Amino acid sequence: MAEIQSGGDSSGKGGKKRAKKQSTKVDMTPLVDLAFLLLTFFVLTSTFSKPKVLRMIFPEKLENQPNVKRPEVKDAVTILVTGDDRIFYYTGAISAATQLVETDYTKNGIRKILKEKNIGLLTELKKLQDKLNKTDEKDTAATNAIDREVKLKQKESKLVVLVKNDDKATYKNIVDVMDEFMICQVAKYFVTDEGFLPLETKLISQMPSK
């Protein structure tokens, strides 16, 4: 609050009255209280930045479930990550006739392969993105409907990718593969921790060395 205080002598020389000197004192206490209230309000209503994490999906282990049969890999793409930055892939179930193909981590390597395999979902997501760009951002009903449709298309995606690695592969190799999944918008991928199958190891050993 502002307070006005009067002070000084009311009489001057020769018996003439002087004008009263007035001083102003401002009480800052209410302003301090207001500042703390505003600070509390913004702290409680603000959204803290969420840590960026990499989503990794691991299949359920079947060792403790002897009665459960391991599902067959039909049209899935299996990526084999080895040391020396080498990466291989094959499609479908593993067999003696499986054609193992070596690729690399460049945009013309594993990225191109994943885009070709995932072209159906990428096309649908592109249409939905164009639809979202033409929608008013204030129209929450429309944007939520598009978001639900995106999740439905991802759920219906037929592309499944399995990632396996040996003991010579590095974390960087796995992270690079996961980054390609994000770029190519692969909806269903799984990282196994069981290592290579004996036949996979044999096929890799038959591949020409760098």
Protein backbone atom coordinates (compact mmCIF):
# COMPACT_ATOMS: atom_id res chain seq x y z
CA MET A 1 0.00 0.00 0.00
CA ALA A 2 1.09 3.58 -0.54
CA GLU A 3 1.18 5.74 2.53
CA ILE A 4 1.50 9.53 2.61
CA GLN A 5 3.41 10.90 5.56
CA SER A 6 3.55 14.53 6.42
CA GLY A 7 6.57 16.12 7.97
CA GLY A 8 8.50 19.35 8.42
CA ASP A 9 7.87 22.56 10.34
CA SER A 10 4.60 24.28 9.68
CA SER A 11 5.93 27.71 10.42
CA GLY A 12 8.64 29.66 8.64
CA LYS A 13 10.48 32.85 9.28
CA GLY A 14 8.41 35.89 9.93
CA GLY A 15 5.51 33.79 11.09
CA LYS A 16 4.69 32.70 7.53
CA LYS A 17 3.42 29.18 7.07
CA ARG A 18 5.37 26.84 4.78
CA ALA A 19 3.86 24.26 2.55
CA LYS A 20 3.90 20.86 4.15
CA LYS A 21 6.46 18.44 2.76
CA GLN A 22 4.90 15.12 1.91
CA SER A 23 6.79 11.85 1.49
CA THR A 24 5.53 8.63 -0.12
CA LYS A 25 6.24 5.17 1.24
CA VAL A 26 5.36 2.12 -0.88
CA ASP A 27 4.69 -1.18 0.86
CA MET A 28 6.10 -3.95 -1.42
CA THR A 29 4.72 -6.86 0.58
CA PRO A 30 1.61 -7.42 -1.62
CA LEU A 31 3.79 -7.36 -4.75
CA VAL A 32 6.07 -10.05 -3.28
CA ASP A 33 3.03 -12.20 -2.49
CA LEU A 34 1.75 -11.71 -6.04
CA ALA A 35 5.12 -12.71 -7.49
CA PHE A 36 5.15 -15.96 -5.50
CA LEU A 37 1.56 -16.72 -6.54
CA LEU A 38 2.45 -16.23 -10.21
CA LEU A 39 5.58 -18.35 -9.82
CA THR A 40 3.58 -21.16 -8.20
CA PHE A 41 0.95 -20.95 -10.94
CA PHE A 42 3.47 -21.25 -13.79
CA VAL A 43 5.35 -24.08 -12.10
CA LEU A 44 2.17 -26.11 -11.61
CA THR A 45 0.77 -25.47 -15.09
CA SER A 46 3.95 -25.79 -17.14
CA THR A 47 4.86 -29.02 -18.92
CA PHE A 48 8.31 -30.36 -18.24
CA SER A 49 10.28 -31.72 -21.17
CA LYS A 50 10.10 -35.49 -21.35
CA PRO A 51 13.30 -37.48 -21.80
CA LYS A 52 13.77 -38.84 -25.30
CA VAL A 53 14.00 -42.61 -25.19
CA LEU A 54 14.30 -45.29 -27.81
CA ARG A 55 11.40 -47.73 -27.90
CA MET A 56 12.64 -51.30 -27.96
CA ILE A 57 10.33 -54.30 -28.08
CA PHE A 58 11.52 -57.69 -26.90
CA PRO A 59 9.53 -60.85 -27.59
CA GLU A 60 8.34 -62.94 -24.71
CA LYS A 61 10.74 -65.69 -23.69
CA LEU A 62 9.44 -69.23 -24.07
CA GLU A 63 12.01 -71.10 -21.94
CA ASN A 64 9.67 -71.21 -18.97
CA GLN A 65 6.71 -72.19 -21.15
CA PRO A 66 7.51 -75.66 -22.55
CA ASN A 67 3.97 -76.20 -23.79
CA VAL A 68 4.00 -73.08 -25.94
CA LYS A 69 5.22 -73.64 -29.49
CA ARG A 70 7.51 -71.05 -31.03
CA PRO A 71 5.54 -69.12 -33.69
CA GLU A 72 6.60 -69.55 -37.28
CA VAL A 73 8.24 -66.64 -39.07
CA LYS A 74 6.33 -66.28 -42.34
CA ASP A 75 6.82 -63.00 -44.18
CA ALA A 76 8.95 -61.32 -41.55
CA VAL A 77 12.30 -59.74 -42.36
CA THR A 78 15.14 -60.90 -40.11
CA ILE A 79 18.13 -58.60 -39.74
CA LEU A 80 21.40 -60.08 -38.52
CA VAL A 81 23.88 -57.62 -37.03
CA THR A 82 27.49 -58.75 -36.66
CA GLY A 83 30.85 -57.21 -35.83
CA ASP A 84 32.90 -55.06 -38.23
CA ASP A 85 29.72 -53.09 -39.03
CA ARG A 86 28.33 -55.92 -41.17
CA ILE A 87 24.60 -56.42 -41.52
CA PHE A 88 22.62 -59.16 -43.29
CA TYR A 89 18.96 -59.88 -43.85
CA TYR A 90 16.61 -62.53 -45.19
CA THR A 91 12.86 -62.87 -45.65
CA GLY A 92 10.61 -65.59 -44.26
CA ALA A 93 11.50 -68.66 -42.24
CA ILE A 94 15.11 -69.80 -42.13
CA SER A 95 16.01 -72.91 -44.15
CA ALA A 96 18.94 -74.38 -46.02
CA ALA A 97 17.65 -72.66 -49.16
CA THR A 98 17.46 -69.22 -47.54
CA GLN A 99 19.20 -66.50 -49.52
CA LEU A 100 21.17 -64.33 -47.11
CA VAL A 101 21.83 -60.82 -48.42
CA GLU A 102 24.45 -58.42 -47.11
CA THR A 103 23.73 -54.71 -47.01
CA ASP A 104 25.00 -51.66 -45.12
CA TYR A 105 23.78 -48.80 -42.90
CA THR A 106 23.58 -46.17 -45.64
CA LYS A 107 20.41 -44.68 -47.14
CA ASN A 108 20.89 -46.93 -50.17
CA GLY A 109 21.31 -49.97 -47.94
CA ILE A 110 19.04 -51.07 -45.11
CA ARG A 111 16.95 -47.89 -45.36
CA LYS A 112 16.08 -48.50 -49.00
CA ILE A 113 15.18 -52.12 -48.24
CA LEU A 114 12.90 -51.18 -45.34
CA LYS A 115 11.15 -48.50 -47.40
CA GLU A 116 10.49 -50.97 -50.20
CA LYS A 117 9.13 -53.54 -47.75
CA ASN A 118 7.04 -50.91 -45.93
CA ILE A 119 5.77 -49.02 -48.97
CA GLY A 120 2.11 -49.82 -48.17
CA LEU A 121 2.15 -48.24 -44.72
CA LEU A 122 4.30 -45.32 -45.87
CA THR A 123 1.77 -44.51 -48.61
CA GLU A 124 -1.17 -44.59 -46.18
CA LEU A 125 0.67 -42.45 -43.61
CA LYS A 126 1.56 -39.91 -46.31
CA LYS A 127 -2.11 -39.55 -47.23
CA LEU A 128 -3.06 -39.07 -43.58
CA GLN A 129 -0.30 -36.49 -43.10
CA ASP A 130 -1.56 -34.52 -46.11
CA LYS A 131 -5.06 -34.71 -44.66
CA LEU A 132 -3.77 -33.46 -41.31
CA ASN A 133 -1.97 -30.53 -42.94
CA LYS A 134 -5.28 -29.40 -44.49
CA THR A 135 -7.12 -29.69 -41.16
CA ASP A 136 -7.48 -26.73 -38.82
CA GLU A 137 -5.33 -27.42 -35.75
CA LYS A 138 -8.12 -26.05 -33.58
CA ASP A 139 -10.43 -28.79 -34.82
CA THR A 140 -9.45 -31.32 -32.15
CA ALA A 141 -12.14 -33.79 -33.17
CA ALA A 142 -10.72 -34.05 -36.69
CA THR A 143 -7.09 -34.25 -35.55
CA ASN A 144 -7.94 -36.95 -32.99
CA ALA A 145 -9.78 -38.92 -35.67
CA ILE A 146 -6.72 -38.77 -37.93
CA ASP A 147 -4.48 -39.84 -35.04
CA ARG A 148 -6.70 -42.86 -34.39
CA GLU A 149 -6.59 -43.75 -38.07
CA VAL A 150 -2.77 -43.56 -38.04
CA LYS A 151 -2.61 -45.97 -35.10
CA LEU A 152 -5.05 -48.31 -36.85
CA LYS A 153 -2.93 -48.35 -40.02
CA GLN A 154 0.18 -49.09 -37.94
CA LYS A 155 -1.63 -51.91 -36.18
CA GLU A 156 -2.76 -53.41 -39.49
CA SER A 157 0.73 -53.24 -40.98
CA LYS A 158 1.88 -56.67 -42.20
CA LEU A 159 5.61 -55.91 -42.10
CA VAL A 160 7.35 -57.50 -39.11
CA VAL A 161 11.10 -57.07 -38.60
CA LEU A 162 13.24 -59.18 -36.27
CA VAL A 163 16.69 -57.99 -35.18
CA LYS A 164 19.37 -60.39 -33.98
CA ASN A 165 22.99 -59.72 -33.10
CA ASP A 166 26.08 -61.70 -32.17
CA ASP A 167 28.48 -60.96 -29.33
CA LYS A 168 30.71 -58.84 -31.60
CA ALA A 169 28.04 -56.31 -32.54
CA THR A 170 28.13 -52.94 -30.79
CA TYR A 171 25.42 -50.81 -29.25
CA LYS A 172 25.98 -48.34 -32.07
CA ASN A 173 25.08 -51.03 -34.62
CA ILE A 174 21.76 -51.73 -32.88
CA VAL A 175 20.95 -48.04 -32.41
CA ASP A 176 21.67 -47.38 -36.10
CA VAL A 177 19.21 -50.12 -37.07
CA MET A 178 16.58 -48.73 -34.69
CA ASP A 179 17.06 -45.27 -36.18
CA GLU A 180 16.27 -46.70 -39.59
CA PHE A 181 13.05 -48.14 -38.18
CA MET A 182 12.05 -44.65 -37.04
CA ILE A 183 12.92 -43.11 -40.41
CA CYS A 184 11.06 -45.80 -42.37
CA GLN A 185 8.16 -45.78 -39.86
CA VAL A 186 8.30 -49.52 -39.25
CA ALA A 187 5.44 -50.20 -36.85
CA LYS A 188 6.27 -53.77 -35.77
CA TYR A 189 9.84 -54.68 -34.90
CA PHE A 190 11.37 -56.90 -32.25
CA VAL A 191 14.88 -57.23 -30.88
CA THR A 192 15.75 -60.75 -29.77
CA ASP A 193 18.34 -61.58 -27.14
CA GLU A 194 18.84 -65.24 -28.02
CA GLY A 195 21.59 -64.72 -30.59
CA PHE A 196 21.83 -66.40 -33.97
CA LEU A 197 20.40 -69.78 -34.82
CA PRO A 198 22.98 -72.39 -35.86
CA LEU A 199 21.80 -72.21 -39.47
CA GLU A 200 22.05 -68.41 -39.46
CA THR A 201 25.62 -68.66 -38.19
CA LYS A 202 26.42 -71.17 -40.93
CA LEU A 203 24.95 -68.95 -43.65
CA ILE A 204 26.95 -65.96 -42.40
CA SER A 205 30.16 -68.01 -42.41
CA GLN A 206 29.54 -68.82 -46.06
CA MET A 207 29.26 -65.17 -47.04
CA PRO A 208 32.39 -63.66 -48.65
CA SER A 209 34.45 -61.62 -46.21
CA LYS A 210 35.11 -57.93 -46.71
